[in-house]
C-alpha atoms as a PDB file:
ATOM      1  CA  UNK A   1      27.738 -12.179  10.835  1.00  0.00           C
ATOM      2  CA  UNK A   2      24.352 -12.403   9.134  1.00  0.00           C
ATOM      3  CA  UNK A   3      22.101  -9.838  10.813  1.00  0.00           C
ATOM      4  CA  UNK A   4      19.003 -11.913  10.140  1.00  0.00           C
ATOM      5  CA  UNK A   5      20.566 -14.885  11.960  1.00  0.00           C
ATOM      6  CA  UNK A   6      21.337 -12.589  14.950  1.00  0.00           C
ATOM      7  CA  UNK A   7      17.664 -11.500  15.089  1.00  0.00           C
ATOM      8  CA  UNK A   8      16.620 -15.155  14.756  1.00  0.00           C
ATOM      9  CA  UNK A   9      18.568 -15.932  17.942  1.00  0.00           C
ATOM     10  CA  UNK A  10      17.227 -12.780  19.676  1.00  0.00           C
ATOM     11  CA  UNK A  11      13.574 -13.662  18.846  1.00  0.00           C
ATOM     12  CA  UNK A  12      14.012 -17.283  19.971  1.00  0.00           C
ATOM     13  CA  UNK A  13      15.690 -16.183  23.213  1.00  0.00           C
ATOM     14  CA  UNK A  14      13.012 -13.568  23.769  1.00  0.00           C
ATOM     15  CA  UNK A  15      10.153 -16.007  23.385  1.00  0.00           C
ATOM     16  CA  UNK A  16      11.850 -18.491  25.669  1.00  0.00           C
ATOM     17  CA  UNK A  17      12.345 -15.687  28.243  1.00  0.00           C
ATOM     18  CA  UNK A  18       8.615 -14.771  27.870  1.00  0.00           C
ATOM     19  CA  UNK A  19       7.640 -18.374  28.698  1.00  0.00           C
ATOM     20  CA  UNK A  20       9.977 -18.441  31.657  1.00  0.00           C
ATOM     21  CA  UNK A  21       8.492 -15.226  33.039  1.00  0.00           C
ATOM     22  CA  UNK A  22       4.934 -16.537  32.584  1.00  0.00           C
ATOM     23  CA  UNK A  23       5.904 -19.784  34.348  1.00  0.00           C
ATOM     24  CA  UNK A  24       7.443 -17.782  37.230  1.00  0.00           C
ATOM     25  CA  UNK A  25       4.306 -15.640  37.556  1.00  0.00           C
ATOM     26  CA  UNK A  26       2.105 -18.676  37.495  1.00  0.00           C
ATOM     27  CA  UNK A  27       4.081 -20.950  39.798  1.00  0.00           C
ATOM     28  CA  UNK A  28       5.708 -18.486  42.223  1.00  0.00           C
ATOM     29  CA  UNK A  29       3.382 -15.477  42.221  1.00  0.00           C
ATOM     30  CA  UNK A  30       0.112 -17.439  41.896  1.00  0.00           C
ATOM     31  CA  UNK A  31      -0.986 -15.524  38.772  1.00  0.00           C
ATOM     32  CA  UNK A  32      -3.745 -17.624  37.155  1.00  0.00           C
ATOM     33  CA  UNK A  33      -2.991 -19.595  34.007  1.00  0.00           C
ATOM     34  CA  UNK A  34      -5.739 -17.674  32.226  1.00  0.00           C
ATOM     35  CA  UNK A  35      -3.850 -14.389  32.791  1.00  0.00           C
ATOM     36  CA  UNK A  36      -0.397 -15.683  32.013  1.00  0.00           C
ATOM     37  CA  UNK A  37      -1.713 -17.344  28.877  1.00  0.00           C
ATOM     38  CA  UNK A  38      -3.206 -14.048  27.686  1.00  0.00           C
ATOM     39  CA  UNK A  39       0.111 -12.263  28.470  1.00  0.00           C
ATOM     40  CA  UNK A  40       2.065 -14.765  26.409  1.00  0.00           C
ATOM     41  CA  UNK A  41      -0.461 -14.626  23.606  1.00  0.00           C
ATOM     42  CA  UNK A  42      -0.578 -10.843  23.453  1.00  0.00           C
ATOM     43  CA  UNK A  43       3.166 -10.196  23.659  1.00  0.00           C
ATOM     44  CA  UNK A  44       4.255 -12.981  21.316  1.00  0.00           C
ATOM     45  CA  UNK A  45       1.568 -12.240  18.705  1.00  0.00           C
ATOM     46  CA  UNK A  46       2.299  -8.476  18.636  1.00  0.00           C
ATOM     47  CA  UNK A  47       6.064  -8.937  18.339  1.00  0.00           C
ATOM     48  CA  UNK A  48       5.767 -11.196  15.203  1.00  0.00           C
ATOM     49  CA  UNK A  49       4.354  -8.098  13.434  1.00  0.00           C
ATOM     50  CA  UNK A  50       8.002  -6.979  13.260  1.00  0.00           C
ATOM     51  CA  UNK A  51       9.000  -9.968  11.180  1.00  0.00           C
ATOM     52  CA  UNK A  52       8.326  -8.394   7.742  1.00  0.00           C
ATOM     53  CA  UNK A  53      10.518  -5.409   8.596  1.00  0.00           C
ATOM     54  CA  UNK A  54      13.380  -7.542   9.949  1.00  0.00           C
ATOM     55  CA  UNK A  55      13.594 -10.743   7.902  1.00  0.00           C
ATOM     56  CA  UNK A  56      14.069 -10.494   4.170  1.00  0.00           C
ATOM     57  CA  UNK A  57      14.380 -14.302   3.907  1.00  0.00           C
ATOM     58  CA  UNK A  58      11.136 -16.006   5.049  1.00  0.00           C
ATOM     59  CA  UNK A  59      13.192 -19.080   5.948  1.00  0.00           C
ATOM     60  CA  UNK A  60      14.165 -17.400   9.211  1.00  0.00           C
ATOM     61  CA  UNK A  61      10.532 -16.758  10.109  1.00  0.00           C
ATOM     62  CA  UNK A  62       9.577 -20.334   9.237  1.00  0.00           C
ATOM     63  CA  UNK A  63      12.450 -21.610  11.370  1.00  0.00           C
ATOM     64  CA  UNK A  64      11.206 -19.601  14.401  1.00  0.00           C
ATOM     65  CA  UNK A  65       7.646 -20.860  13.884  1.00  0.00           C
ATOM     66  CA  UNK A  66       8.695 -24.489  13.372  1.00  0.00           C
ATOM     67  CA  UNK A  67      10.884 -24.405  16.517  1.00  0.00           C
ATOM     68  CA  UNK A  68       8.079 -23.146  18.718  1.00  0.00           C
ATOM     69  CA  UNK A  69       5.413 -25.296  17.080  1.00  0.00           C
ATOM     70  CA  UNK A  70       7.407 -28.474  17.941  1.00  0.00           C
ATOM     71  CA  UNK A  71       8.427 -27.161  21.401  1.00  0.00           C
ATOM     72  CA  UNK A  72       4.900 -26.016  22.396  1.00  0.00           C
ATOM     73  CA  UNK A  73       3.323 -29.164  20.967  1.00  0.00           C
ATOM     74  CA  UNK A  74       5.585 -31.373  23.135  1.00  0.00           C
ATOM     75  CA  UNK A  75       4.995 -29.103  26.144  1.00  0.00           C
ATOM     76  CA  UNK A  76       1.255 -29.356  25.651  1.00  0.00           C
ATOM     77  CA  UNK A  77       1.332 -33.177  25.400  1.00  0.00           C
ATOM     78  CA  UNK A  78       3.623 -33.497  28.418  1.00  0.00           C
ATOM     79  CA  UNK A  79       1.868 -30.739  30.446  1.00  0.00           C
ATOM     80  CA  UNK A  80       5.169 -28.899  30.947  1.00  0.00           C
ATOM     81  CA  UNK A  81       3.929 -25.326  30.722  1.00  0.00           C
ATOM     82  CA  UNK A  82       1.159 -24.682  33.232  1.00  0.00           C
ATOM     83  CA  UNK A  83       1.216 -20.951  32.524  1.00  0.00           C
ATOM     84  CA  UNK A  84      -0.245 -21.443  29.043  1.00  0.00           C
ATOM     85  CA  UNK A  85      -1.779 -24.946  29.083  1.00  0.00           C
ATOM     86  CA  UNK A  86      -3.049 -25.198  32.667  1.00  0.00           C
ATOM     87  CA  UNK A  87      -6.364 -23.452  32.005  1.00  0.00           C
ATOM     88  CA  UNK A  88      -8.617 -26.349  32.925  1.00  0.00           C
ATOM     89  CA  UNK A  89      -9.604 -27.236  29.365  1.00  0.00           C
ATOM     90  CA  UNK A  90      -7.994 -29.048  26.486  1.00  0.00           C
ATOM     91  CA  UNK A  91      -6.524 -26.552  24.044  1.00  0.00           C
ATOM     92  CA  UNK A  92      -3.868 -26.564  21.327  1.00  0.00           C
ATOM     93  CA  UNK A  93      -3.912 -22.816  20.887  1.00  0.00           C
ATOM     94  CA  UNK A  94      -0.279 -22.329  21.877  1.00  0.00           C
ATOM     95  CA  UNK A  95       1.317 -24.377  19.186  1.00  0.00           C
ATOM     96  CA  UNK A  96      -1.390 -23.635  16.589  1.00  0.00           C
ATOM     97  CA  UNK A  97      -0.444 -19.952  16.968  1.00  0.00           C
ATOM     98  CA  UNK A  98       3.061 -20.685  15.852  1.00  0.00           C
ATOM     99  CA  UNK A  99       1.729 -22.668  12.890  1.00  0.00           C
ATOM    100  CA  UNK A 100      -0.669 -19.871  11.965  1.00  0.00           C
ATOM    101  CA  UNK A 101       2.042 -17.215  11.985  1.00  0.00           C
ATOM    102  CA  UNK A 102       4.292 -19.285   9.725  1.00  0.00           C
ATOM    103  CA  UNK A 103       1.531 -20.080   7.184  1.00  0.00           C
ATOM    104  CA  UNK A 104       0.215 -16.535   7.066  1.00  0.00           C
ATOM    105  CA  UNK A 105       3.692 -15.179   6.617  1.00  0.00           C
ATOM    106  CA  UNK A 106       4.344 -17.653   3.760  1.00  0.00           C
ATOM    107  CA  UNK A 107       1.192 -16.670   1.914  1.00  0.00           C
ATOM    108  CA  UNK A 108       1.850 -12.946   2.364  1.00  0.00           C
ATOM    109  CA  UNK A 109       5.315 -13.435   0.751  1.00  0.00           C
ATOM    110  CA  UNK A 110       4.039 -15.699  -1.943  1.00  0.00           C
ATOM    111  CA  UNK A 111       1.221 -13.319  -2.976  1.00  0.00           C
ATOM    112  CA  UNK A 112       3.344 -10.258  -2.249  1.00  0.00           C
ATOM    113  CA  UNK A 113       0.702  -8.705   0.012  1.00  0.00           C
ATOM    114  CA  UNK A 114       1.707  -7.708   3.494  1.00  0.00           C
ATOM    115  CA  UNK A 115      -1.931  -7.284   4.527  1.00  0.00           C
ATOM    116  CA  UNK A 116      -2.414 -11.023   4.497  1.00  0.00           C
ATOM    117  CA  UNK A 117      -0.005 -11.284   7.398  1.00  0.00           C
ATOM    118  CA  UNK A 118      -0.394  -8.012   9.344  1.00  0.00           C
ATOM    119  CA  UNK A 119      -4.187  -7.733   9.641  1.00  0.00           C
ATOM    120  CA  UNK A 120      -4.941 -11.391  10.514  1.00  0.00           C
ATOM    121  CA  UNK A 121      -2.223 -11.430  13.195  1.00  0.00           C
ATOM    122  CA  UNK A 122      -3.226  -8.013  14.493  1.00  0.00           C
ATOM    123  CA  UNK A 123      -6.820  -9.193  15.001  1.00  0.00           C
ATOM    124  CA  UNK A 124      -5.615 -12.299  16.701  1.00  0.00           C
ATOM    125  CA  UNK A 125      -3.271 -10.384  18.963  1.00  0.00           C
ATOM    126  CA  UNK A 126      -5.824  -7.777  20.153  1.00  0.00           C
ATOM    127  CA  UNK A 127      -9.334  -9.156  19.714  1.00  0.00           C
ATOM    128  CA  UNK A 128      -8.888 -12.670  21.092  1.00  0.00           C
ATOM    129  CA  UNK A 129      -7.531 -11.578  24.507  1.00  0.00           C
ATOM    130  CA  UNK A 130     -10.122  -8.793  24.773  1.00  0.00           C
ATOM    131  CA  UNK A 131     -12.925 -11.321  24.083  1.00  0.00           C
ATOM    132  CA  UNK A 132     -11.558 -13.651  26.764  1.00  0.00           C
ATOM    133  CA  UNK A 133     -11.282 -10.801  29.300  1.00  0.00           C
ATOM    134  CA  UNK A 134     -14.834  -9.642  28.543  1.00  0.00           C
ATOM    135  CA  UNK A 135     -16.235 -13.180  28.872  1.00  0.00           C
ATOM    136  CA  UNK A 136     -14.699 -13.550  32.325  1.00  0.00           C
ATOM    137  CA  UNK A 137     -15.471  -9.964  33.457  1.00  0.00           C
ATOM    138  CA  UNK A 138     -19.172  -9.809  32.637  1.00  0.00           C
ATOM    139  CA  UNK A 139     -20.067 -13.457  33.365  1.00  0.00           C
ATOM    140  CA  UNK A 140     -22.433 -13.537  30.414  1.00  0.00           C
ATOM    141  CA  UNK A 141     -24.264 -16.572  29.024  1.00  0.00           C
ATOM    142  CA  UNK A 142     -22.191 -19.206  27.280  1.00  0.00           C
ATOM    143  CA  UNK A 143     -22.965 -19.994  23.632  1.00  0.00           C
ATOM    144  CA  UNK A 144     -20.648 -22.619  22.115  1.00  0.00           C
ATOM    145  CA  UNK A 145     -17.374 -24.227  23.255  1.00  0.00           C
ATOM    146  CA  UNK A 146     -17.161 -22.047  26.382  1.00  0.00           C
ATOM    147  CA  UNK A 147     -17.516 -18.851  24.312  1.00  0.00           C
ATOM    148  CA  UNK A 148     -19.784 -16.077  25.759  1.00  0.00           C
ATOM    149  CA  UNK A 149     -22.131 -13.492  24.341  1.00  0.00           C
ATOM    150  CA  UNK A 150     -20.069 -10.679  25.872  1.00  0.00           C
ATOM    151  CA  UNK A 151     -16.842 -12.114  24.484  1.00  0.00           C
ATOM    152  CA  UNK A 152     -18.241 -12.478  20.984  1.00  0.00           C
ATOM    153  CA  UNK A 153     -19.605  -8.977  21.013  1.00  0.00           C
ATOM    154  CA  UNK A 154     -16.270  -7.551  22.133  1.00  0.00           C
ATOM    155  CA  UNK A 155     -14.514  -9.630  19.491  1.00  0.00           C
ATOM    156  CA  UNK A 156     -16.902  -8.272  16.839  1.00  0.00           C
ATOM    157  CA  UNK A 157     -16.461  -4.623  17.841  1.00  0.00           C
ATOM    158  CA  UNK A 158     -12.709  -4.799  18.376  1.00  0.00           C
ATOM    159  CA  UNK A 159     -12.094  -6.597  15.088  1.00  0.00           C
ATOM    160  CA  UNK A 160     -14.127  -3.999  13.294  1.00  0.00           C
ATOM    161  CA  UNK A 161     -12.137  -1.178  14.874  1.00  0.00           C
ATOM    162  CA  UNK A 162      -8.782  -2.888  14.219  1.00  0.00           C
ATOM    163  CA  UNK A 163      -9.739  -3.582  10.594  1.00  0.00           C
ATOM    164  CA  UNK A 164     -10.951  -0.027   9.959  1.00  0.00           C
ATOM    165  CA  UNK A 165      -7.860   1.485  11.569  1.00  0.00           C
ATOM    166  CA  UNK A 166      -5.423  -0.702   9.622  1.00  0.00           C
ATOM    167  CA  UNK A 167      -7.192  -0.564   6.293  1.00  0.00           C
ATOM    168  CA  UNK A 168      -7.429   3.216   6.511  1.00  0.00           C
ATOM    169  CA  UNK A 169      -3.747   3.455   7.282  1.00  0.00           C
ATOM    170  CA  UNK A 170      -2.953   1.619   4.052  1.00  0.00           C
ATOM    171  CA  UNK A 171      -5.398   3.686   2.013  1.00  0.00           C
ATOM    172  CA  UNK A 172      -7.630   0.761   1.148  1.00  0.00           C
ATOM    173  CA  UNK A 173     -10.847   1.336  -0.708  1.00  0.00           C
ATOM    174  CA  UNK A 174     -14.322   0.416   0.745  1.00  0.00           C
ATOM    175  CA  UNK A 175     -12.834   0.391   4.242  1.00  0.00           C
ATOM    176  CA  UNK A 176     -16.137   0.183   6.237  1.00  0.00           C
ATOM    177  CA  UNK A 177     -17.701  -2.600   4.099  1.00  0.00           C
ATOM    178  CA  UNK A 178     -14.567  -4.682   4.023  1.00  0.00           C
ATOM    179  CA  UNK A 179     -13.949  -4.138   7.772  1.00  0.00           C
ATOM    180  CA  UNK A 180     -17.561  -5.188   8.548  1.00  0.00           C
ATOM    181  CA  UNK A 181     -17.168  -8.330   6.449  1.00  0.00           C
ATOM    182  CA  UNK A 182     -13.923  -9.184   8.136  1.00  0.00           C
ATOM    183  CA  UNK A 183     -15.338  -8.552  11.636  1.00  0.00           C
ATOM    184  CA  UNK A 184     -18.456 -10.748  11.089  1.00  0.00           C
ATOM    185  CA  UNK A 185     -16.447 -13.533   9.415  1.00  0.00           C
ATOM    186  CA  UNK A 186     -13.720 -13.538  12.093  1.00  0.00           C
ATOM    187  CA  UNK A 187     -16.261 -13.436  14.981  1.00  0.00           C
ATOM    188  CA  UNK A 188     -18.318 -16.297  13.517  1.00  0.00           C
ATOM    189  CA  UNK A 189     -15.193 -18.353  12.974  1.00  0.00           C
ATOM    190  CA  UNK A 190     -13.905 -17.634  16.520  1.00  0.00           C
ATOM    191  CA  UNK A 191     -17.239 -18.714  17.969  1.00  0.00           C
ATOM    192  CA  UNK A 192     -17.312 -22.010  16.032  1.00  0.00           C
ATOM    193  CA  UNK A 193     -13.657 -22.893  16.750  1.00  0.00           C
ATOM    194  CA  UNK A 194     -13.162 -25.216  19.750  1.00  0.00           C
ATOM    195  CA  UNK A 195     -10.082 -25.907  21.863  1.00  0.00           C
ATOM    196  CA  UNK A 196      -7.873 -23.052  20.745  1.00  0.00           C
ATOM    197  CA  UNK A 197      -8.281 -23.754  17.018  1.00  0.00           C
ATOM    198  CA  UNK A 198      -9.333 -20.153  16.544  1.00  0.00           C
ATOM    199  CA  UNK A 199      -5.628 -19.301  16.606  1.00  0.00           C
ATOM    200  CA  UNK A 200      -5.468 -21.058  13.273  1.00  0.00           C
ATOM    201  CA  UNK A 201      -8.898 -20.561  11.775  1.00  0.00           C
ATOM    202  CA  UNK A 202      -9.426 -16.821  12.458  1.00  0.00           C
ATOM    203  CA  UNK A 203      -6.235 -15.679  10.643  1.00  0.00           C
ATOM    204  CA  UNK A 204      -7.037 -17.958   7.689  1.00  0.00           C
ATOM    205  CA  UNK A 205     -10.554 -16.578   7.413  1.00  0.00           C
ATOM    206  CA  UNK A 206      -9.377 -12.920   7.595  1.00  0.00           C
ATOM    207  CA  UNK A 207      -6.743 -13.591   4.979  1.00  0.00           C
ATOM    208  CA  UNK A 208      -9.309 -15.366   2.805  1.00  0.00           C
ATOM    209  CA  UNK A 209     -11.697 -12.381   2.981  1.00  0.00           C
ATOM    210  CA  UNK A 210      -8.844 -10.033   1.991  1.00  0.00           C
ATOM    211  CA  UNK A 211      -7.896 -12.265  -0.955  1.00  0.00           C
ATOM    212  CA  UNK A 212     -11.527 -12.548  -2.190  1.00  0.00           C
END
């Protein structure tokens, strides 16, 4: 049997299981939708970083992304997943994340540059949840689209640290300057992106900075 197909099934089953667990925590254990949404975001986004090491044919990755884009889009419209969509505001972040992963992966393969997938997704996985936690924790002033000063500052600092750590690990030149540019660009984009669209815009901007 094709090993890539086996991993395709494993990942799809794993993501479905993650959604089931988040729904259980939300509906049965009264864990807030904000928390279960962050759990789903963090776990799913980090695990896609294994895709380049597992799938040699990008078609399998695009199949996973397309499956969950359609499923999560329908779930969002029908209000089926309270654990990720029941946050008291309109957001398309869940299905836009699947779309973002697929597009970034495609461009990284097309341009033969793994950084165009790894770093944008890494920033999205780590910095976005940290910013959300900081915004709730410190109750700071709101700026735009429900974003807070504390959240934006944490996003800026964490994206700078993530960029420096990753770019240093791949022996990239001008690490600090490039990391600073990525951090400011990503933070500004996140601040200006309403209704979960930062799941799409932030990775694109980070990849764009890397390309330029």
